[in-house]
């Protein structure tokens, strides 16, 4: 894993850790060496099966994720950085290992249901999903939204809610 810089949409320039594959970097890491963190592009899909079939990686050639290169995808950088901060908060303040307290992978998708006001944690598939807004509102990947959705994952496991419907913001 390699240190990089991300020009996030809402939080400015932030340090991130990414995975080096071949000659490219992607938004994946073993956060704090114990919790897998992975953000992918849902390409406008909403339902889990469609997302799984059509999701793609975000790539960068030099691990300096600049706004000029990734302008339409900067919300992915916010989601990635914000989920890392959420993992850190729950570990440092509550001694919790990921949202389930067992180190479960943090899988997230941005560009979910393009032109829709959606941000949600899927309790069935344990994924964090972020839409692009609806034209009136910007993408839903600011730190408060991302950490809010992470909190839904924590709630599912602390309240023993193993099955059910999706938590939406």
C-alpha atoms as a PDB file:
ATOM      1  CA  UNK A   1       0.000   0.000   0.000  1.00  0.00           C
ATOM      2  CA  UNK A   2       1.213   3.462  -0.913  1.00  0.00           C
ATOM      3  CA  UNK A   3       0.687   6.962   0.494  1.00  0.00           C
ATOM      4  CA  UNK A   4      -1.008   9.393  -1.851  1.00  0.00           C
ATOM      5  CA  UNK A   5      -2.854  12.699  -1.947  1.00  0.00           C
ATOM      6  CA  UNK A   6      -6.523  13.217  -2.752  1.00  0.00           C
ATOM      7  CA  UNK A   7      -8.156  16.494  -3.846  1.00  0.00           C
ATOM      8  CA  UNK A   8     -11.503  15.721  -2.233  1.00  0.00           C
ATOM      9  CA  UNK A   9     -14.673  17.531  -3.219  1.00  0.00           C
ATOM     10  CA  UNK A  10     -15.521  18.858   0.272  1.00  0.00           C
ATOM     11  CA  UNK A  11     -12.492  18.374   2.544  1.00  0.00           C
ATOM     12  CA  UNK A  12      -9.657  19.792   0.450  1.00  0.00           C
ATOM     13  CA  UNK A  13      -6.370  17.988  -0.034  1.00  0.00           C
ATOM     14  CA  UNK A  14      -6.067  14.898   2.176  1.00  0.00           C
ATOM     15  CA  UNK A  15      -3.534  12.128   2.644  1.00  0.00           C
ATOM     16  CA  UNK A  16      -4.762   8.670   1.660  1.00  0.00           C
ATOM     17  CA  UNK A  17      -3.328   5.177   1.333  1.00  0.00           C
ATOM     18  CA  UNK A  18      -4.065   3.267  -1.869  1.00  0.00           C
ATOM     19  CA  UNK A  19      -3.333  -0.055  -3.514  1.00  0.00           C
ATOM     20  CA  UNK A  20      -0.831  -0.314  -6.371  1.00  0.00           C
ATOM     21  CA  UNK A  21      -1.924  -2.731  -9.108  1.00  0.00           C
ATOM     22  CA  UNK A  22       0.199  -3.121 -12.214  1.00  0.00           C
ATOM     23  CA  UNK A  23       1.059   0.475 -13.023  1.00  0.00           C
ATOM     24  CA  UNK A  24      -2.009   2.152 -11.455  1.00  0.00           C
ATOM     25  CA  UNK A  25      -3.365   3.064  -8.036  1.00  0.00           C
ATOM     26  CA  UNK A  26      -6.901   2.282  -6.866  1.00  0.00           C
ATOM     27  CA  UNK A  27      -9.070   3.270  -3.908  1.00  0.00           C
ATOM     28  CA  UNK A  28      -8.415   0.177  -1.813  1.00  0.00           C
ATOM     29  CA  UNK A  29      -6.353  -0.470   1.303  1.00  0.00           C
ATOM     30  CA  UNK A  30      -6.136  -2.492   4.483  1.00  0.00           C
ATOM     31  CA  UNK A  31      -6.975   0.471   6.726  1.00  0.00           C
ATOM     32  CA  UNK A  32      -4.738   0.437   9.788  1.00  0.00           C
ATOM     33  CA  UNK A  33      -3.595  -2.978   8.502  1.00  0.00           C
ATOM     34  CA  UNK A  34      -6.804  -4.660   9.733  1.00  0.00           C
ATOM     35  CA  UNK A  35      -9.904  -3.343   7.975  1.00  0.00           C
ATOM     36  CA  UNK A  36     -10.307  -3.614   4.201  1.00  0.00           C
ATOM     37  CA  UNK A  37     -11.577  -0.324   2.719  1.00  0.00           C
ATOM     38  CA  UNK A  38     -12.688  -0.221  -0.910  1.00  0.00           C
ATOM     39  CA  UNK A  39     -14.579   2.448  -2.882  1.00  0.00           C
ATOM     40  CA  UNK A  40     -15.860   1.699  -6.390  1.00  0.00           C
ATOM     41  CA  UNK A  41     -17.971   3.384  -9.054  1.00  0.00           C
ATOM     42  CA  UNK A  42     -21.600   2.160  -9.205  1.00  0.00           C
ATOM     43  CA  UNK A  43     -21.963   3.824 -12.618  1.00  0.00           C
ATOM     44  CA  UNK A  44     -25.491   5.039 -11.904  1.00  0.00           C
ATOM     45  CA  UNK A  45     -26.932   1.743 -10.705  1.00  0.00           C
ATOM     46  CA  UNK A  46     -28.993   1.508  -7.513  1.00  0.00           C
ATOM     47  CA  UNK A  47     -29.767  -2.152  -6.843  1.00  0.00           C
ATOM     48  CA  UNK A  48     -27.053  -4.360  -5.390  1.00  0.00           C
ATOM     49  CA  UNK A  49     -27.047  -6.989  -8.156  1.00  0.00           C
ATOM     50  CA  UNK A  50     -26.783  -4.288 -10.836  1.00  0.00           C
ATOM     51  CA  UNK A  51     -24.012  -2.533  -8.931  1.00  0.00           C
ATOM     52  CA  UNK A  52     -22.053  -5.780  -8.524  1.00  0.00           C
ATOM     53  CA  UNK A  53     -22.329  -6.498 -12.242  1.00  0.00           C
ATOM     54  CA  UNK A  54     -21.416  -2.992 -13.418  1.00  0.00           C
ATOM     55  CA  UNK A  55     -19.165  -1.455 -10.742  1.00  0.00           C
ATOM     56  CA  UNK A  56     -15.703  -0.320 -11.778  1.00  0.00           C
ATOM     57  CA  UNK A  57     -12.557   0.772  -9.990  1.00  0.00           C
ATOM     58  CA  UNK A  58     -11.291   4.329  -9.689  1.00  0.00           C
ATOM     59  CA  UNK A  59      -7.724   4.529 -11.011  1.00  0.00           C
ATOM     60  CA  UNK A  60      -4.923   7.072 -10.897  1.00  0.00           C
ATOM     61  CA  UNK A  61      -1.509   6.894 -12.568  1.00  0.00           C
ATOM     62  CA  UNK A  62       0.639   8.722  -9.977  1.00  0.00           C
ATOM     63  CA  UNK A  63      -1.318   8.488  -6.690  1.00  0.00           C
ATOM     64  CA  UNK A  64      -1.762  12.240  -6.694  1.00  0.00           C
ATOM     65  CA  UNK A  65      -5.529  12.329  -7.230  1.00  0.00           C
ATOM     66  CA  UNK A  66      -5.903  15.896  -8.506  1.00  0.00           C
ATOM     67  CA  UNK A  67      -9.128  17.750  -9.223  1.00  0.00           C
ATOM     68  CA  UNK A  68      -8.149  18.296 -12.849  1.00  0.00           C
ATOM     69  CA  UNK A  69      -7.836  14.537 -13.387  1.00  0.00           C
ATOM     70  CA  UNK A  70     -10.813  13.403 -11.314  1.00  0.00           C
ATOM     71  CA  UNK A  71     -13.223  16.331 -11.315  1.00  0.00           C
ATOM     72  CA  UNK A  72     -16.321  14.199 -11.944  1.00  0.00           C
ATOM     73  CA  UNK A  73     -15.199  11.602  -9.406  1.00  0.00           C
ATOM     74  CA  UNK A  74     -13.949  13.689  -6.499  1.00  0.00           C
ATOM     75  CA  UNK A  75     -16.868  12.486  -4.369  1.00  0.00           C
ATOM     76  CA  UNK A  76     -15.200   9.055  -4.473  1.00  0.00           C
ATOM     77  CA  UNK A  77     -12.171  10.611  -2.803  1.00  0.00           C
ATOM     78  CA  UNK A  78     -14.422  12.124  -0.111  1.00  0.00           C
ATOM     79  CA  UNK A  79     -16.141   8.792   0.518  1.00  0.00           C
ATOM     80  CA  UNK A  80     -12.799   6.981   0.693  1.00  0.00           C
ATOM     81  CA  UNK A  81     -11.161   9.494   3.015  1.00  0.00           C
ATOM     82  CA  UNK A  82     -14.328   9.905   5.137  1.00  0.00           C
ATOM     83  CA  UNK A  83     -14.813   6.174   5.609  1.00  0.00           C
ATOM     84  CA  UNK A  84     -11.173   5.904   6.693  1.00  0.00           C
ATOM     85  CA  UNK A  85     -11.779   8.656   9.246  1.00  0.00           C
ATOM     86  CA  UNK A  86     -14.938   6.862  10.429  1.00  0.00           C
ATOM     87  CA  UNK A  87     -13.009   3.613  10.903  1.00  0.00           C
ATOM     88  CA  UNK A  88     -10.377   5.566  12.875  1.00  0.00           C
ATOM     89  CA  UNK A  89     -12.976   7.265  15.078  1.00  0.00           C
ATOM     90  CA  UNK A  90     -14.732   4.036  16.044  1.00  0.00           C
ATOM     91  CA  UNK A  91     -11.375   2.330  16.692  1.00  0.00           C
ATOM     92  CA  UNK A  92      -9.791   5.174  18.674  1.00  0.00           C
ATOM     93  CA  UNK A  93     -12.802   6.343  20.689  1.00  0.00           C
ATOM     94  CA  UNK A  94     -14.828   3.140  21.082  1.00  0.00           C
ATOM     95  CA  UNK A  95     -12.181   0.405  20.572  1.00  0.00           C
ATOM     96  CA  UNK A  96     -14.318  -0.960  17.736  1.00  0.00           C
ATOM     97  CA  UNK A  97     -12.882  -2.905  14.779  1.00  0.00           C
ATOM     98  CA  UNK A  98     -14.933  -1.726  11.771  1.00  0.00           C
ATOM     99  CA  UNK A  99     -18.691  -1.264  11.926  1.00  0.00           C
ATOM    100  CA  UNK A 100     -19.362  -4.877  12.981  1.00  0.00           C
ATOM    101  CA  UNK A 101     -16.483  -4.926  15.535  1.00  0.00           C
ATOM    102  CA  UNK A 102     -14.990  -7.968  13.764  1.00  0.00           C
ATOM    103  CA  UNK A 103     -13.034  -6.164  11.047  1.00  0.00           C
ATOM    104  CA  UNK A 104     -15.627  -6.522   8.309  1.00  0.00           C
ATOM    105  CA  UNK A 105     -14.612  -5.002   4.985  1.00  0.00           C
ATOM    106  CA  UNK A 106     -15.906  -1.498   4.364  1.00  0.00           C
ATOM    107  CA  UNK A 107     -17.245  -1.588   0.805  1.00  0.00           C
ATOM    108  CA  UNK A 108     -18.639   1.597  -0.668  1.00  0.00           C
ATOM    109  CA  UNK A 109     -20.029   2.801  -3.956  1.00  0.00           C
ATOM    110  CA  UNK A 110     -20.367   6.312  -5.357  1.00  0.00           C
ATOM    111  CA  UNK A 111     -22.361   7.440  -8.399  1.00  0.00           C
ATOM    112  CA  UNK A 112     -25.252   5.350  -7.072  1.00  0.00           C
ATOM    113  CA  UNK A 113     -28.462   6.266  -8.854  1.00  0.00           C
ATOM    114  CA  UNK A 114     -27.092   9.325 -10.671  1.00  0.00           C
ATOM    115  CA  UNK A 115     -29.208  12.481 -10.248  1.00  0.00           C
ATOM    116  CA  UNK A 116     -30.766  11.145  -7.082  1.00  0.00           C
ATOM    117  CA  UNK A 117     -30.621  12.342  -3.481  1.00  0.00           C
ATOM    118  CA  UNK A 118     -29.510   9.068  -1.955  1.00  0.00           C
ATOM    119  CA  UNK A 119     -27.020   7.993   0.690  1.00  0.00           C
ATOM    120  CA  UNK A 120     -27.608   4.717   2.467  1.00  0.00           C
ATOM    121  CA  UNK A 121     -26.171   1.747   4.282  1.00  0.00           C
ATOM    122  CA  UNK A 122     -27.495  -1.540   2.915  1.00  0.00           C
ATOM    123  CA  UNK A 123     -28.112  -3.859   5.884  1.00  0.00           C
ATOM    124  CA  UNK A 124     -28.394  -6.942   3.702  1.00  0.00           C
ATOM    125  CA  UNK A 125     -25.168  -6.530   1.737  1.00  0.00           C
ATOM    126  CA  UNK A 126     -23.287  -4.341   4.252  1.00  0.00           C
ATOM    127  CA  UNK A 127     -22.348  -1.663   1.722  1.00  0.00           C
ATOM    128  CA  UNK A 128     -22.202   2.117   1.935  1.00  0.00           C
ATOM    129  CA  UNK A 129     -23.803   3.850  -1.035  1.00  0.00           C
ATOM    130  CA  UNK A 130     -23.630   7.488  -2.122  1.00  0.00           C
ATOM    131  CA  UNK A 131     -25.515   9.294  -4.862  1.00  0.00           C
ATOM    132  CA  UNK A 132     -24.592  12.355  -6.871  1.00  0.00           C
ATOM    133  CA  UNK A 133     -27.394  14.632  -5.699  1.00  0.00           C
ATOM    134  CA  UNK A 134     -30.237  15.732  -7.887  1.00  0.00           C
ATOM    135  CA  UNK A 135     -28.982  18.856  -9.607  1.00  0.00           C
ATOM    136  CA  UNK A 136     -30.215  21.081  -6.779  1.00  0.00           C
ATOM    137  CA  UNK A 137     -28.007  19.307  -4.223  1.00  0.00           C
ATOM    138  CA  UNK A 138     -24.390  18.254  -4.554  1.00  0.00           C
ATOM    139  CA  UNK A 139     -23.062  14.689  -4.215  1.00  0.00           C
ATOM    140  CA  UNK A 140     -23.759  13.158  -0.822  1.00  0.00           C
ATOM    141  CA  UNK A 141     -20.219  12.339   0.287  1.00  0.00           C
ATOM    142  CA  UNK A 142     -19.328  15.065   2.791  1.00  0.00           C
ATOM    143  CA  UNK A 143     -17.700  13.755   5.973  1.00  0.00           C
ATOM    144  CA  UNK A 144     -20.885  14.184   8.049  1.00  0.00           C
ATOM    145  CA  UNK A 145     -22.939  12.136   5.566  1.00  0.00           C
ATOM    146  CA  UNK A 146     -20.299   9.422   5.212  1.00  0.00           C
ATOM    147  CA  UNK A 147     -19.837   9.068   8.974  1.00  0.00           C
ATOM    148  CA  UNK A 148     -23.623   9.100   9.457  1.00  0.00           C
ATOM    149  CA  UNK A 149     -23.979   6.131   7.093  1.00  0.00           C
ATOM    150  CA  UNK A 150     -21.120   4.336   8.851  1.00  0.00           C
ATOM    151  CA  UNK A 151     -23.088   4.844  12.074  1.00  0.00           C
ATOM    152  CA  UNK A 152     -25.977   2.902  10.539  1.00  0.00           C
ATOM    153  CA  UNK A 153     -23.615  -0.034  10.110  1.00  0.00           C
ATOM    154  CA  UNK A 154     -22.560   0.235  13.740  1.00  0.00           C
ATOM    155  CA  UNK A 155     -26.224   0.419  14.781  1.00  0.00           C
ATOM    156  CA  UNK A 156     -27.057  -2.753  12.882  1.00  0.00           C
ATOM    157  CA  UNK A 157     -24.458  -4.709  14.827  1.00  0.00           C
ATOM    158  CA  UNK A 158     -24.807  -3.099  18.250  1.00  0.00           C
ATOM    159  CA  UNK A 159     -28.594  -3.563  18.198  1.00  0.00           C
ATOM    160  CA  UNK A 160     -28.425  -7.064  16.723  1.00  0.00           C
ATOM    161  CA  UNK A 161     -30.321  -6.007  13.583  1.00  0.00           C
ATOM    162  CA  UNK A 162     -28.990  -8.784  11.352  1.00  0.00           C
ATOM    163  CA  UNK A 163     -31.655  -8.515   8.643  1.00  0.00           C
ATOM    164  CA  UNK A 164     -34.059  -5.859   7.478  1.00  0.00           C
ATOM    165  CA  UNK A 165     -34.320  -2.975   5.125  1.00  0.00           C
ATOM    166  CA  UNK A 166     -31.927  -0.282   4.086  1.00  0.00           C
ATOM    167  CA  UNK A 167     -31.119   2.634   6.382  1.00  0.00           C
ATOM    168  CA  UNK A 168     -31.352   5.893   4.451  1.00  0.00           C
ATOM    169  CA  UNK A 169     -30.228   9.332   5.533  1.00  0.00           C
END
